[in-house]
Amino acid sequence: MISCWRGSFAPVTGFEAPQWLAAVYLGAFGSALTFYLWAFALERTTPTRVAISVTVNPITASLVGAALLDEPLRWNLVAGIVTVFAGIWIATTKGRRHAPAQLCAKPPA
């Protein structure tokens, strides 16, 4: 509704069959199938591994776009890739884990 009011929806009125097919494709495969596969993976592995696959997806898309479509690789993309891989490393590295402190510890008898 807001898009119609602001006029942001106007380019869609000029869509022809190829653009509508692309939109349906993105809706069916880019959203619905991806959500199904995400839920399917959650039943079979840990949430951390599933989250890793979700965070690697945009990186893969950016690198494939750069390789196949000659899209530019700028510093902000490289910084984002490094940040995502650092997050994955933090999430998957088994460091020192301390046992949770007892909040209501009983005094020794």
N, C-alpha and C. Protein backbone atom coordinates (compact mmCIF):
# COMPACT_ATOMS: atom_id res chain seq x y z
N MET A 1 0.82 -1.18 0.00
CA MET A 1 0.00 0.00 0.00
C MET A 1 0.87 1.25 0.00
N ILE A 2 1.90 1.26 0.82
CA ILE A 2 2.76 2.44 0.89
C ILE A 2 3.50 2.62 -0.44
N SER A 3 3.90 1.51 -1.07
CA SER A 3 4.58 1.61 -2.36
C SER A 3 3.68 2.23 -3.41
N CYS A 4 2.43 1.86 -3.43
CA CYS A 4 1.49 2.45 -4.38
C CYS A 4 1.31 3.93 -4.10
N TRP A 5 1.24 4.30 -2.83
CA TRP A 5 1.04 5.69 -2.45
C TRP A 5 2.25 6.55 -2.82
N ARG A 6 3.47 6.01 -2.64
CA ARG A 6 4.69 6.75 -2.94
C ARG A 6 5.06 6.69 -4.41
N GLY A 7 4.42 5.84 -5.19
CA GLY A 7 4.75 5.71 -6.60
C GLY A 7 5.89 4.75 -6.86
N SER A 8 6.33 4.01 -5.85
CA SER A 8 7.43 3.06 -6.00
C SER A 8 7.01 1.82 -6.77
N PHE A 9 5.74 1.59 -6.86
CA PHE A 9 5.22 0.40 -7.52
C PHE A 9 5.06 0.61 -9.03
N ALA A 10 5.24 1.84 -9.49
CA ALA A 10 5.02 2.18 -10.90
C ALA A 10 5.84 1.35 -11.89
N PRO A 11 7.11 1.05 -11.64
CA PRO A 11 7.85 0.24 -12.63
C PRO A 11 7.26 -1.14 -12.87
N VAL A 12 6.57 -1.68 -11.88
CA VAL A 12 6.00 -3.02 -12.01
C VAL A 12 4.86 -3.04 -13.04
N THR A 13 4.21 -1.93 -13.23
CA THR A 13 3.12 -1.89 -14.20
C THR A 13 3.60 -2.12 -15.62
N GLY A 14 4.89 -1.89 -15.86
CA GLY A 14 5.45 -2.12 -17.19
C GLY A 14 6.04 -3.50 -17.38
N PHE A 15 5.90 -4.37 -16.40
CA PHE A 15 6.44 -5.73 -16.52
C PHE A 15 5.75 -6.48 -17.65
N GLU A 16 6.54 -7.25 -18.37
CA GLU A 16 6.00 -8.16 -19.38
C GLU A 16 6.26 -9.58 -18.92
N ALA A 17 5.96 -10.54 -19.76
CA ALA A 17 6.05 -11.96 -19.38
C ALA A 17 7.42 -12.35 -18.82
N PRO A 18 8.55 -11.96 -19.42
CA PRO A 18 9.84 -12.38 -18.85
C PRO A 18 10.06 -11.87 -17.42
N GLN A 19 9.65 -10.64 -17.15
CA GLN A 19 9.83 -10.11 -15.80
C GLN A 19 8.92 -10.81 -14.79
N TRP A 20 7.69 -11.11 -15.18
CA TRP A 20 6.78 -11.82 -14.28
C TRP A 20 7.26 -13.24 -14.04
N LEU A 21 7.78 -13.90 -15.08
CA LEU A 21 8.34 -15.25 -14.89
C LEU A 21 9.53 -15.22 -13.95
N ALA A 22 10.37 -14.19 -14.08
CA ALA A 22 11.52 -14.07 -13.18
C ALA A 22 11.05 -13.86 -11.74
N ALA A 23 10.02 -13.04 -11.56
CA ALA A 23 9.49 -12.80 -10.21
C ALA A 23 8.90 -14.08 -9.62
N VAL A 24 8.17 -14.83 -10.41
CA VAL A 24 7.61 -16.10 -9.93
C VAL A 24 8.73 -17.09 -9.61
N TYR A 25 9.75 -17.13 -10.46
CA TYR A 25 10.89 -18.01 -10.22
C TYR A 25 11.57 -17.66 -8.90
N LEU A 26 11.82 -16.37 -8.68
CA LEU A 26 12.46 -15.95 -7.43
C LEU A 26 11.58 -16.26 -6.23
N GLY A 27 10.28 -16.09 -6.38
CA GLY A 27 9.38 -16.39 -5.28
C GLY A 27 9.33 -17.87 -4.98
N ALA A 28 9.28 -18.69 -6.03
CA ALA A 28 9.15 -20.13 -5.83
C ALA A 28 10.46 -20.77 -5.39
N PHE A 29 11.55 -20.44 -6.07
CA PHE A 29 12.81 -21.11 -5.77
C PHE A 29 13.67 -20.32 -4.80
N GLY A 30 13.68 -19.02 -4.93
CA GLY A 30 14.52 -18.21 -4.05
C GLY A 30 13.96 -18.09 -2.65
N SER A 31 12.67 -18.27 -2.49
CA SER A 31 12.07 -18.12 -1.16
C SER A 31 11.49 -19.42 -0.65
N ALA A 32 10.50 -19.95 -1.34
CA ALA A 32 9.78 -21.13 -0.84
C ALA A 32 10.68 -22.36 -0.76
N LEU A 33 11.40 -22.67 -1.82
CA LEU A 33 12.26 -23.85 -1.81
C LEU A 33 13.39 -23.68 -0.80
N THR A 34 13.94 -22.49 -0.72
CA THR A 34 15.01 -22.24 0.24
C THR A 34 14.51 -22.42 1.67
N PHE A 35 13.32 -21.93 1.97
CA PHE A 35 12.75 -22.11 3.31
C PHE A 35 12.52 -23.60 3.60
N TYR A 36 12.01 -24.33 2.62
CA TYR A 36 11.78 -25.76 2.81
C TYR A 36 13.11 -26.48 3.09
N LEU A 37 14.13 -26.17 2.30
CA LEU A 37 15.43 -26.82 2.51
C LEU A 37 16.04 -26.44 3.86
N TRP A 38 15.81 -25.19 4.30
CA TRP A 38 16.28 -24.76 5.60
C TRP A 38 15.61 -25.58 6.71
N ALA A 39 14.29 -25.73 6.63
CA ALA A 39 13.57 -26.52 7.63
C ALA A 39 13.98 -27.99 7.56
N PHE A 40 14.18 -28.51 6.35
CA PHE A 40 14.64 -29.88 6.15
C PHE A 40 16.00 -30.08 6.82
N ALA A 41 16.90 -29.11 6.64
CA ALA A 41 18.23 -29.22 7.24
C ALA A 41 18.17 -29.14 8.75
N LEU A 42 17.27 -28.31 9.29
CA LEU A 42 17.16 -28.20 10.75
C LEU A 42 16.75 -29.51 11.40
N GLU A 43 16.01 -30.34 10.67
CA GLU A 43 15.62 -31.64 11.22
C GLU A 43 16.80 -32.61 11.26
N ARG A 44 17.85 -32.34 10.48
CA ARG A 44 18.92 -33.31 10.32
C ARG A 44 20.27 -32.89 10.88
N THR A 45 20.42 -31.63 11.25
CA THR A 45 21.70 -31.18 11.77
C THR A 45 21.48 -30.08 12.80
N THR A 46 22.55 -29.51 13.27
CA THR A 46 22.46 -28.50 14.32
C THR A 46 22.06 -27.14 13.74
N PRO A 47 21.43 -26.30 14.54
CA PRO A 47 21.08 -24.96 14.06
C PRO A 47 22.30 -24.14 13.64
N THR A 48 23.45 -24.38 14.28
CA THR A 48 24.67 -23.64 13.92
C THR A 48 25.07 -23.94 12.49
N ARG A 49 25.03 -25.20 12.11
CA ARG A 49 25.40 -25.56 10.74
C ARG A 49 24.41 -24.99 9.73
N VAL A 50 23.15 -24.99 10.06
CA VAL A 50 22.15 -24.43 9.16
C VAL A 50 22.35 -22.92 9.03
N ALA A 51 22.65 -22.26 10.13
CA ALA A 51 22.90 -20.82 10.09
C ALA A 51 24.13 -20.50 9.25
N ILE A 52 25.13 -21.35 9.30
CA ILE A 52 26.32 -21.14 8.48
C ILE A 52 25.96 -21.19 7.01
N SER A 53 25.13 -22.14 6.63
CA SER A 53 24.76 -22.22 5.21
C SER A 53 23.97 -20.99 4.77
N VAL A 54 23.19 -20.42 5.67
CA VAL A 54 22.43 -19.22 5.33
C VAL A 54 23.36 -18.02 5.17
N THR A 55 24.39 -17.92 6.00
CA THR A 55 25.29 -16.77 5.91
C THR A 55 26.26 -16.88 4.74
N VAL A 56 26.55 -18.09 4.29
CA VAL A 56 27.46 -18.26 3.16
C VAL A 56 26.75 -17.99 1.83
N ASN A 57 25.44 -18.09 1.80
CA ASN A 57 24.69 -17.90 0.56
C ASN A 57 24.93 -16.55 -0.11
N PRO A 58 24.83 -15.41 0.59
CA PRO A 58 25.10 -14.13 -0.08
C PRO A 58 26.53 -13.98 -0.56
N ILE A 59 27.47 -14.57 0.18
CA ILE A 59 28.87 -14.53 -0.25
C ILE A 59 29.02 -15.27 -1.56
N THR A 60 28.45 -16.45 -1.64
CA THR A 60 28.52 -17.24 -2.86
C THR A 60 27.87 -16.49 -4.01
N ALA A 61 26.72 -15.90 -3.78
CA ALA A 61 26.03 -15.15 -4.83
C ALA A 61 26.88 -13.98 -5.32
N SER A 62 27.54 -13.28 -4.40
CA SER A 62 28.38 -12.16 -4.79
C SER A 62 29.59 -12.61 -5.60
N LEU A 63 30.22 -13.68 -5.18
CA LEU A 63 31.39 -14.17 -5.91
C LEU A 63 31.02 -14.73 -7.27
N VAL A 64 29.89 -15.43 -7.35
CA VAL A 64 29.44 -15.94 -8.66
C VAL A 64 29.07 -14.77 -9.57
N GLY A 65 28.43 -13.74 -9.02
CA GLY A 65 28.11 -12.56 -9.81
C GLY A 65 29.35 -11.87 -10.33
N ALA A 66 30.40 -11.81 -9.51
CA ALA A 66 31.65 -11.21 -9.95
C ALA A 66 32.32 -12.05 -11.03
N ALA A 67 32.25 -13.36 -10.88
CA ALA A 67 32.91 -14.24 -11.85
C ALA A 67 32.15 -14.33 -13.17
N LEU A 68 30.83 -14.45 -13.10
CA LEU A 68 30.06 -14.67 -14.33
C LEU A 68 29.53 -13.39 -14.97
N LEU A 69 29.24 -12.39 -14.17
CA LEU A 69 28.61 -11.18 -14.69
C LEU A 69 29.52 -9.95 -14.62
N ASP A 70 30.77 -10.17 -14.23
CA ASP A 70 31.74 -9.08 -14.10
C ASP A 70 31.27 -7.98 -13.16
N GLU A 71 30.57 -8.36 -12.12
CA GLU A 71 30.18 -7.38 -11.11
C GLU A 71 31.41 -6.98 -10.31
N PRO A 72 31.49 -5.73 -9.88
CA PRO A 72 32.71 -5.28 -9.18
C PRO A 72 32.83 -5.86 -7.77
N LEU A 73 34.06 -6.17 -7.41
CA LEU A 73 34.37 -6.59 -6.04
C LEU A 73 35.01 -5.39 -5.37
N ARG A 74 34.27 -4.71 -4.54
CA ARG A 74 34.77 -3.51 -3.87
C ARG A 74 35.17 -3.84 -2.44
N TRP A 75 35.76 -2.86 -1.77
CA TRP A 75 36.26 -3.07 -0.42
C TRP A 75 35.16 -3.47 0.55
N ASN A 76 33.95 -2.91 0.38
CA ASN A 76 32.88 -3.23 1.33
C ASN A 76 32.44 -4.69 1.20
N LEU A 77 32.48 -5.24 -0.01
CA LEU A 77 32.16 -6.66 -0.18
C LEU A 77 33.23 -7.53 0.46
N VAL A 78 34.48 -7.18 0.24
CA VAL A 78 35.58 -7.94 0.85
C VAL A 78 35.49 -7.85 2.38
N ALA A 79 35.18 -6.66 2.90
CA ALA A 79 35.04 -6.51 4.36
C ALA A 79 33.87 -7.35 4.87
N GLY A 80 32.78 -7.40 4.12
CA GLY A 80 31.65 -8.22 4.51
C GLY A 80 31.97 -9.70 4.50
N ILE A 81 32.71 -10.14 3.49
CA ILE A 81 33.10 -11.55 3.41
C ILE A 81 33.99 -11.92 4.60
N VAL A 82 34.95 -11.06 4.92
CA VAL A 82 35.84 -11.32 6.05
C VAL A 82 35.03 -11.36 7.36
N THR A 83 34.09 -10.45 7.50
CA THR A 83 33.27 -10.41 8.71
C THR A 83 32.41 -11.66 8.85
N VAL A 84 31.81 -12.10 7.75
CA VAL A 84 30.98 -13.30 7.81
C VAL A 84 31.84 -14.52 8.17
N PHE A 85 33.00 -14.64 7.55
CA PHE A 85 33.85 -15.79 7.88
C PHE A 85 34.36 -15.71 9.32
N ALA A 86 34.60 -14.51 9.83
CA ALA A 86 34.99 -14.38 11.23
C ALA A 86 33.84 -14.82 12.14
N GLY A 87 32.61 -14.45 11.80
CA GLY A 87 31.46 -14.89 12.58
C GLY A 87 31.28 -16.40 12.55
N ILE A 88 31.48 -16.98 11.38
CA ILE A 88 31.39 -18.44 11.27
C ILE A 88 32.46 -19.10 12.13
N TRP A 89 33.66 -18.55 12.09
CA TRP A 89 34.75 -19.11 12.89
C TRP A 89 34.44 -19.02 14.37
N ILE A 90 33.92 -17.88 14.80
CA ILE A 90 33.56 -17.71 16.21
C ILE A 90 32.46 -18.69 16.62
N ALA A 91 31.48 -18.87 15.74
CA ALA A 91 30.35 -19.75 16.07
C ALA A 91 30.73 -21.22 16.10
N THR A 92 31.72 -21.59 15.32
CA THR A 92 32.03 -23.02 15.20
C THR A 92 33.27 -23.45 15.98
N THR A 93 34.06 -22.50 16.45
CA THR A 93 35.27 -22.85 17.19
C THR A 93 34.91 -23.21 18.62
N LYS A 94 35.41 -24.33 19.04
CA LYS A 94 35.16 -24.75 20.42
C LYS A 94 36.29 -24.21 21.28
N GLY A 95 36.01 -23.10 21.90
CA GLY A 95 36.99 -22.48 22.79
C GLY A 95 36.75 -22.94 24.20
N ARG A 96 37.29 -22.19 25.10
CA ARG A 96 37.07 -22.49 26.52
C ARG A 96 35.64 -22.13 26.87
N ARG A 97 34.93 -23.07 27.30
CA ARG A 97 33.55 -22.84 27.74
C ARG A 97 33.50 -23.07 29.24
N HIS A 98 33.09 -22.05 29.95
CA HIS A 98 32.98 -22.17 31.40
C HIS A 98 31.59 -22.69 31.75
N ALA A 99 31.54 -23.47 32.79
CA ALA A 99 30.25 -23.95 33.28
C ALA A 99 29.48 -22.77 33.82
N PRO A 100 28.17 -22.74 33.60
CA PRO A 100 27.38 -21.62 34.11
C PRO A 100 27.46 -21.56 35.63
N ALA A 101 27.55 -20.36 36.14
CA ALA A 101 27.65 -20.17 37.59
C ALA A 101 26.32 -20.50 38.25
N GLN A 102 26.39 -21.02 39.43
CA GLN A 102 25.20 -21.31 40.20
C GLN A 102 24.70 -20.01 40.81
N LEU A 103 23.48 -19.66 40.53
CA LEU A 103 22.93 -18.42 41.07
C LEU A 103 22.52 -18.56 42.53
N CYS A 104 22.01 -19.68 42.85
CA CYS A 104 21.53 -19.91 44.21
C CYS A 104 22.28 -21.09 44.81
N ALA A 105 23.56 -20.94 44.95
CA ALA A 105 24.36 -22.04 45.47
C ALA A 105 24.09 -22.22 46.95
N LYS A 106 24.00 -23.47 47.36
CA LYS A 106 23.79 -23.77 48.76
C LYS A 106 25.14 -23.65 49.49
N PRO A 107 25.11 -23.07 50.69
CA PRO A 107 26.37 -22.99 51.45
C PRO A 107 26.79 -24.39 51.89
N PRO A 108 28.10 -24.59 52.03
CA PRO A 108 28.54 -25.92 52.47
C PRO A 108 28.00 -26.24 53.86
N ALA A 109 27.66 -27.50 54.06
CA ALA A 109 27.05 -27.93 55.34
C ALA A 109 28.06 -28.20 56.39
